[in-house]
Amino acid sequence: MADLTVGYAAMLEQFGPREAVELTVLAEQHGFSGCMAADHFQPWVPAQGQSSFVWNVLTAVGERTTGDLGPGVTCPSFRFHPAVVAQASATLAEMYPGRHWLGVGAGEALNEHVIGGYWPEAAERSLRMFEAIEIIKKLFDASSAGKDVKHQGRFFTLETTRLWTMPETAPPVLVATAGPINAKRTGRFADGIITVGAPLDKIDGLFAKFAEGAREAGKDPDSMPRVLQLHLSWAPTDEEALANAMTEWPNGGMKFPKADIRSPHDFAAMAALVRPEDFEGRMVISSDPDVHRAHIQQFVDLGFDRVYLHNVGRNQAEWIEVFGREVLPKLAR
């Protein structure tokens, strides 16, 4: 079982690339280990205001820090062909040996519809993702062995090629999912699982399916990374923490699937309907660091070995300092 690490979730939807890098550097100085950043083409709501290219930002983070780094989720099946994602990931892993991991997901219309193609239903998006993972792993394995590879599948074609820049060890491929069917497939076909905060019994069921899939593939699920991204709202007062959640991260209070919504302006219209009580059970909003610590510890006790924290407010530097002093040292496996 791996030791616990608590990293910083750099929100490229909220902060420009230079500021995101500086905040990640500050987080490492205060005890956070590693950086997760999502591959977004647009922010959730216009008020968040940013959406820089994740691979550029992670490269800059790699130059300025020493911890792990990965796209918490990138979609390798709409804006990017899987081969392009494989090349980007292999290059980052070669630049920062032993530090990079690749997080993939099935995609959201908010980011992927921009290419103007057909947007399929959830089941097809999942099938596309797992075929993309097959291609990425084929490329990693063949390229590490100095061989070419090709692929002809239901959704993708790869003509004979290889990755000419490859790290000594291929980066692990982790799948971001919150559903039991994909969790089982993740155990079978990927190297680890990423999910977000949810009721503990739901995550326990997710882990059970993940372990079932891993064992079917002859793998030890206890040795595979279990990664959590956790949104929270901390500020010096409860009132400020709530205001930050309502204005900066209203999407956290939307109790419905969001993968088919195409525009930040549509999200903003829906955000007008969000009420404070909509965050209950979905995100901790509190000025008390110990309330947050206890909430995070529940997930650690459940079996997560990597946690990446996102404070939804703009008060990042203050939050990093407080949590680095009062929360991180008290968390333990």
Protein backbone atom coordinates (compact mmCIF):
# COMPACT_ATOMS: atom_id res chain seq x y z
CA MET A 1 0.00 0.00 0.00
CA ALA A 2 1.39 3.37 -1.06
CA ASP A 3 2.06 6.20 1.35
CA LEU A 4 -0.40 9.10 1.36
CA THR A 5 0.41 12.19 -0.69
CA VAL A 6 -1.73 15.32 -0.79
CA GLY A 7 -1.32 17.46 -3.89
CA TYR A 8 -2.58 20.74 -5.27
CA ALA A 9 -5.35 20.85 -7.87
CA ALA A 10 -4.39 23.75 -10.13
CA MET A 11 -7.64 25.09 -11.55
CA LEU A 12 -6.84 26.33 -15.04
CA GLU A 13 -10.51 27.31 -15.36
CA GLN A 14 -9.99 29.99 -12.67
CA PHE A 15 -6.38 31.12 -12.90
CA GLY A 16 -4.20 32.18 -15.80
CA PRO A 17 -1.25 29.92 -16.62
CA ARG A 18 1.45 31.99 -14.92
CA GLU A 19 -0.60 32.41 -11.77
CA ALA A 20 -1.46 28.69 -11.72
CA VAL A 21 2.23 27.82 -11.90
CA GLU A 22 3.14 30.26 -9.11
CA LEU A 23 0.39 28.88 -6.89
CA THR A 24 1.60 25.32 -7.51
CA VAL A 25 5.13 26.36 -6.52
CA LEU A 26 3.75 28.00 -3.36
CA ALA A 27 1.74 24.87 -2.57
CA GLU A 28 4.86 22.69 -2.74
CA GLN A 29 6.65 25.09 -0.41
CA HIS A 30 3.86 24.57 2.12
CA GLY A 31 3.84 20.77 2.02
CA PHE A 32 1.61 19.86 -0.91
CA SER A 33 3.06 17.11 -3.09
CA GLY A 34 2.30 17.15 -6.78
CA CYS A 35 -0.07 18.88 -9.15
CA MET A 36 -3.28 17.84 -10.90
CA ALA A 37 -4.71 20.05 -13.64
CA ALA A 38 -7.67 19.40 -15.93
CA ASP A 39 -7.64 19.63 -19.72
CA HIS A 40 -10.41 22.18 -20.34
CA PHE A 41 -11.07 24.16 -23.50
CA GLN A 42 -13.55 26.41 -21.68
CA PRO A 43 -14.29 27.29 -18.05
CA TRP A 44 -17.48 25.96 -16.47
CA VAL A 45 -18.94 29.46 -16.11
CA PRO A 46 -17.73 32.73 -17.66
CA ALA A 47 -16.96 34.21 -14.23
CA GLN A 48 -14.16 31.67 -13.77
CA GLY A 49 -12.53 33.36 -16.71
CA GLN A 50 -9.66 31.12 -17.89
CA SER A 51 -8.84 27.91 -19.74
CA SER A 52 -5.18 27.53 -20.68
CA PHE A 53 -3.61 24.50 -22.39
CA VAL A 54 -2.84 21.93 -19.74
CA TRP A 55 0.30 20.46 -21.34
CA ASN A 56 2.07 23.84 -21.48
CA VAL A 57 1.20 24.55 -17.86
CA LEU A 58 2.34 21.14 -16.63
CA THR A 59 5.68 21.61 -18.39
CA ALA A 60 6.20 24.90 -16.59
CA VAL A 61 5.16 23.26 -13.31
CA GLY A 62 7.68 20.50 -13.94
CA GLU A 63 10.47 23.04 -14.28
CA ARG A 64 9.58 24.82 -11.04
CA THR A 65 8.65 21.92 -8.71
CA THR A 66 9.76 18.42 -7.77
CA GLY A 67 6.48 16.53 -7.20
CA ASP A 68 4.28 14.45 -9.47
CA LEU A 69 2.24 16.06 -12.22
CA GLY A 70 -0.55 14.99 -14.49
CA PRO A 71 -3.66 16.05 -16.31
CA GLY A 72 -6.35 14.97 -13.86
CA VAL A 73 -8.39 14.22 -16.91
CA THR A 74 -7.80 14.65 -20.63
CA CYS A 75 -10.08 13.21 -23.29
CA PRO A 76 -8.11 11.19 -25.88
CA SER A 77 -10.96 10.67 -28.30
CA PHE A 78 -12.45 13.90 -29.69
CA ARG A 79 -10.23 17.01 -29.85
CA PHE A 80 -7.17 14.75 -29.81
CA HIS A 81 -6.44 11.43 -31.45
CA PRO A 82 -5.09 8.96 -28.85
CA ALA A 83 -1.69 8.99 -30.58
CA VAL A 84 -1.35 12.73 -29.94
CA VAL A 85 -2.18 12.29 -26.26
CA ALA A 86 0.33 9.42 -26.07
CA GLN A 87 3.04 11.62 -27.61
CA ALA A 88 2.31 14.52 -25.22
CA SER A 89 2.37 12.20 -22.22
CA ALA A 90 5.53 10.36 -23.27
CA THR A 91 7.33 13.66 -23.82
CA LEU A 92 6.38 14.96 -20.37
CA ALA A 93 7.45 11.68 -18.79
CA GLU A 94 10.80 11.85 -20.58
CA MET A 95 11.35 15.42 -19.37
CA TYR A 96 10.43 14.63 -15.75
CA PRO A 97 11.28 10.96 -15.09
CA GLY A 98 9.13 9.20 -12.52
CA ARG A 99 6.91 12.23 -11.96
CA HIS A 100 4.26 12.19 -14.69
CA TRP A 101 1.02 10.22 -14.82
CA LEU A 102 -1.69 10.36 -17.48
CA GLY A 103 -5.30 10.82 -16.38
CA VAL A 104 -7.95 10.23 -19.05
CA GLY A 105 -11.72 10.52 -19.19
CA ALA A 106 -14.64 9.99 -21.55
CA GLY A 107 -15.03 13.71 -22.24
CA GLU A 108 -17.55 16.50 -21.79
CA ALA A 109 -19.31 18.49 -24.49
CA LEU A 110 -18.14 21.71 -22.82
CA ASN A 111 -14.65 20.97 -24.11
CA GLU A 112 -15.01 18.46 -26.92
CA HIS A 113 -17.89 19.91 -28.98
CA VAL A 114 -15.65 22.71 -30.27
CA ILE A 115 -14.45 20.55 -33.18
CA GLY A 116 -18.04 20.41 -34.43
CA GLY A 117 -18.41 16.63 -34.63
CA TYR A 118 -21.22 14.35 -33.54
CA TRP A 119 -21.56 14.17 -29.75
CA PRO A 120 -22.47 10.59 -28.81
CA GLU A 121 -24.29 9.29 -25.75
CA ALA A 122 -22.42 8.24 -22.62
CA ALA A 123 -22.07 4.55 -23.50
CA GLU A 124 -20.32 5.30 -26.78
CA ARG A 125 -18.07 7.89 -25.13
CA SER A 126 -16.91 5.23 -22.69
CA LEU A 127 -16.22 2.73 -25.47
CA ARG A 128 -14.22 5.36 -27.34
CA MET A 129 -12.17 6.10 -24.21
CA PHE A 130 -11.22 2.49 -23.60
CA GLU A 131 -10.26 1.97 -27.25
CA ALA A 132 -8.15 5.12 -26.96
CA ILE A 133 -6.45 3.66 -23.87
CA GLU A 134 -5.72 0.50 -25.86
CA ILE A 135 -3.97 2.58 -28.52
CA ILE A 136 -2.02 4.64 -25.99
CA LYS A 137 -0.79 1.52 -24.22
CA LYS A 138 0.06 -0.17 -27.53
CA LEU A 139 2.16 2.85 -28.44
CA PHE A 140 3.87 2.95 -25.04
CA ASP A 141 4.68 -0.77 -25.08
CA ALA A 142 5.84 -0.98 -28.71
CA SER A 143 7.83 2.24 -28.57
CA SER A 144 9.58 1.15 -25.36
CA ALA A 145 10.63 -1.98 -27.24
CA GLY A 146 11.76 0.02 -30.28
CA LYS A 147 8.99 -1.35 -32.48
CA ASP A 148 6.23 0.03 -34.66
CA VAL A 149 2.55 -0.64 -34.00
CA LYS A 150 -0.77 -0.15 -35.81
CA HIS A 151 -4.43 -0.26 -34.89
CA GLN A 152 -7.72 -0.67 -36.74
CA GLY A 153 -10.68 -0.43 -34.41
CA ARG A 154 -14.31 0.60 -34.20
CA PHE A 155 -13.55 4.28 -33.61
CA PHE A 156 -9.87 4.83 -34.38
CA THR A 157 -7.24 3.97 -36.94
CA LEU A 158 -3.52 4.17 -36.30
CA GLU A 159 -1.22 3.55 -39.24
CA THR A 160 2.12 1.88 -38.59
CA THR A 161 4.22 4.11 -36.34
CA ARG A 162 5.88 4.49 -32.96
CA LEU A 163 6.70 7.23 -30.46
CA TRP A 164 10.27 8.26 -31.15
CA THR A 165 10.64 10.08 -27.83
CA MET A 166 9.91 7.65 -25.00
CA PRO A 167 10.83 7.71 -21.30
CA GLU A 168 12.64 4.77 -19.76
CA THR A 169 9.40 3.86 -17.99
CA ALA A 170 6.03 4.59 -19.60
CA PRO A 171 3.71 6.78 -17.54
CA PRO A 172 0.82 5.03 -15.79
CA VAL A 173 -2.62 5.56 -17.33
CA LEU A 174 -5.32 6.42 -14.79
CA VAL A 175 -9.02 6.68 -15.62
CA ALA A 176 -11.33 9.31 -14.16
CA THR A 177 -14.72 7.76 -13.48
CA ALA A 178 -17.59 7.82 -11.01
CA GLY A 179 -19.60 4.87 -12.34
CA PRO A 180 -19.39 1.15 -11.45
CA ILE A 181 -19.25 -0.19 -15.02
CA ASN A 182 -16.34 2.02 -16.00
CA ALA A 183 -14.68 1.39 -12.63
CA LYS A 184 -14.56 -2.34 -13.40
CA ARG A 185 -13.20 -1.69 -16.89
CA THR A 186 -10.64 0.67 -15.36
CA GLY A 187 -9.39 -2.10 -13.11
CA ARG A 188 -8.99 -4.37 -16.14
CA PHE A 189 -7.50 -2.00 -18.70
CA ALA A 190 -5.82 0.88 -16.85
CA ASP A 191 -3.21 1.33 -14.14
CA GLY A 192 -5.26 3.22 -11.57
CA ILE A 193 -8.48 5.12 -10.86
CA ILE A 194 -9.32 8.78 -10.31
CA THR A 195 -12.63 9.95 -8.88
CA VAL A 196 -14.16 12.93 -7.10
CA GLY A 197 -15.68 13.40 -3.67
CA ALA A 198 -18.93 11.45 -3.22
CA PRO A 199 -20.77 9.58 -0.44
CA LEU A 200 -18.44 7.03 1.11
CA ASP A 201 -20.69 4.05 0.36
CA LYS A 202 -20.75 4.99 -3.32
CA ILE A 203 -16.95 5.19 -3.48
CA ASP A 204 -16.64 1.91 -1.57
CA GLY A 205 -18.77 0.28 -4.26
CA LEU A 206 -16.62 1.92 -6.93
CA PHE A 207 -13.48 0.49 -5.34
CA ALA A 208 -15.07 -2.97 -5.20
CA LYS A 209 -15.79 -2.91 -8.94
CA PHE A 210 -12.30 -1.53 -9.66
CA ALA A 211 -10.73 -4.35 -7.64
CA GLU A 212 -12.92 -6.94 -9.37
CA GLY A 213 -11.78 -5.78 -12.78
CA ALA A 214 -8.13 -5.67 -11.74
CA ARG A 215 -8.22 -9.24 -10.40
CA GLU A 216 -9.88 -10.48 -13.59
CA ALA A 217 -6.86 -9.08 -15.44
CA GLY A 218 -4.42 -10.75 -13.04
CA LYS A 219 -3.44 -7.51 -11.31
CA ASP A 220 -3.22 -6.63 -7.62
CA PRO A 221 -5.71 -3.80 -7.00
CA ASP A 222 -4.03 -2.89 -3.72
CA SER A 223 -0.89 -1.89 -5.62
CA MET A 224 -2.75 0.35 -8.08
CA PRO A 225 -3.16 4.10 -7.46
CA ARG A 226 -6.47 5.34 -6.07
CA VAL A 227 -6.65 9.07 -6.66
CA LEU A 228 -9.17 11.59 -5.34
CA GLN A 229 -9.85 15.14 -6.48
CA LEU A 230 -11.68 16.97 -3.71
CA HIS A 231 -13.37 20.34 -4.08
CA LEU A 232 -13.85 22.41 -0.92
CA SER A 233 -14.44 25.97 0.17
CA TRP A 234 -12.38 27.46 2.98
CA ALA A 235 -12.19 31.12 3.96
CA PRO A 236 -11.62 33.00 7.24
CA THR A 237 -15.41 33.09 7.85
CA ASP A 238 -18.21 30.69 6.97
CA GLU A 239 -19.96 33.51 5.14
CA GLU A 240 -16.96 34.12 2.89
CA ALA A 241 -16.55 30.40 2.25
CA LEU A 242 -20.20 30.14 1.15
CA ALA A 243 -19.95 33.26 -1.02
CA ASN A 244 -16.88 31.80 -2.74
CA ALA A 245 -18.71 28.55 -3.49
CA MET A 246 -21.76 30.37 -4.85
CA THR A 247 -19.84 32.80 -7.07
CA GLU A 248 -16.71 30.86 -8.07
CA TRP A 249 -17.84 27.23 -8.25
CA PRO A 250 -21.64 27.07 -8.64
CA ASN A 251 -21.21 23.99 -10.83
CA GLY A 252 -20.36 22.15 -7.59
CA GLY A 253 -23.96 22.61 -6.50
CA MET A 254 -25.54 21.31 -9.70
CA LYS A 255 -27.04 17.91 -8.91
CA PHE A 256 -27.30 16.53 -12.42
CA PRO A 257 -25.00 15.12 -15.13
CA LYS A 258 -23.11 17.89 -16.92
CA ALA A 259 -21.37 16.09 -19.76
CA ASP A 260 -23.84 17.17 -22.46
CA ILE A 261 -23.83 20.93 -21.75
CA ARG A 262 -21.88 22.83 -24.37
CA SER A 263 -21.56 26.43 -23.23
CA PRO A 264 -20.26 28.24 -20.14
CA HIS A 265 -23.14 30.67 -20.70
CA ASP A 266 -25.62 27.81 -20.34
CA PHE A 267 -23.90 26.76 -17.11
CA ALA A 268 -24.16 30.36 -15.89
CA ALA A 269 -27.92 30.38 -16.54
CA MET A 270 -28.25 27.16 -14.54
CA ALA A 271 -26.02 28.55 -11.79
CA ALA A 272 -28.64 31.21 -11.09
CA LEU A 273 -30.81 28.38 -9.72
CA VAL A 274 -28.16 27.03 -7.31
CA ARG A 275 -28.92 27.55 -3.61
CA PRO A 276 -26.60 27.12 -0.59
CA GLU A 277 -28.32 23.88 0.43
CA ASP A 278 -27.46 22.35 -2.96
CA PHE A 279 -23.83 21.97 -1.81
CA GLU A 280 -24.79 19.78 1.16
CA GLY A 281 -23.24 16.34 0.81
CA ARG A 282 -21.30 17.48 -2.24
CA MET A 283 -18.71 19.93 -0.91
CA VAL A 284 -17.59 21.02 2.57
CA ILE A 285 -17.96 24.76 3.09
CA SER A 286 -16.38 25.91 6.35
CA SER A 287 -13.92 28.33 7.96
CA ASP A 288 -12.73 25.59 10.34
CA PRO A 289 -9.64 23.78 9.00
CA ASP A 290 -10.35 20.84 11.31
CA VAL A 291 -13.75 20.29 9.71
CA HIS A 292 -11.99 19.98 6.37
CA ARG A 293 -9.28 17.75 7.85
CA ALA A 294 -11.86 15.32 9.24
CA HIS A 295 -13.67 15.23 5.89
CA ILE A 296 -10.46 14.53 3.96
CA GLN A 297 -9.40 11.87 6.48
CA GLN A 298 -12.59 9.89 5.79
CA PHE A 299 -11.51 9.41 2.20
CA VAL A 300 -7.96 8.53 3.20
CA ASP A 301 -9.33 5.90 5.60
CA LEU A 302 -11.42 4.50 2.74
CA GLY A 303 -8.27 3.73 0.75
CA PHE A 304 -7.18 6.71 -1.32
CA ASP A 305 -3.41 7.10 -1.47
CA ARG A 306 -3.35 10.34 -3.45
CA VAL A 307 -5.60 13.33 -2.79
CA TYR A 308 -5.55 16.58 -4.75
CA LEU A 309 -7.31 19.50 -3.08
CA HIS A 310 -9.09 22.37 -4.78
CA ASN A 311 -10.21 25.35 -2.73
CA VAL A 312 -12.85 26.98 -4.92
CA GLY A 313 -12.20 30.58 -3.86
CA ARG A 314 -9.68 33.09 -5.19
CA ASN A 315 -8.01 33.10 -1.77
CA GLN A 316 -5.50 30.49 -2.86
CA ALA A 317 -2.32 31.74 -1.16
CA GLU A 318 -4.03 32.19 2.20
CA TRP A 319 -5.67 28.77 1.93
CA ILE A 320 -2.41 27.06 0.94
CA GLU A 321 -0.65 28.50 3.98
CA VAL A 322 -3.44 27.58 6.42
CA PHE A 323 -3.87 24.02 5.13
CA GLY A 324 -0.12 23.50 4.88
CA ARG A 325 0.15 24.40 8.56
CA GLU A 326 -3.07 23.04 10.07
CA VAL A 327 -4.41 20.25 7.85
CA LEU A 328 -1.73 18.42 5.85
CA PRO A 329 0.49 17.45 8.84
CA LYS A 330 -2.51 15.84 10.58
CA LEU A 331 -3.56 13.57 7.70
CA ALA A 332 -2.30 9.99 7.77
CA ARG A 333 -2.96 6.52 6.33
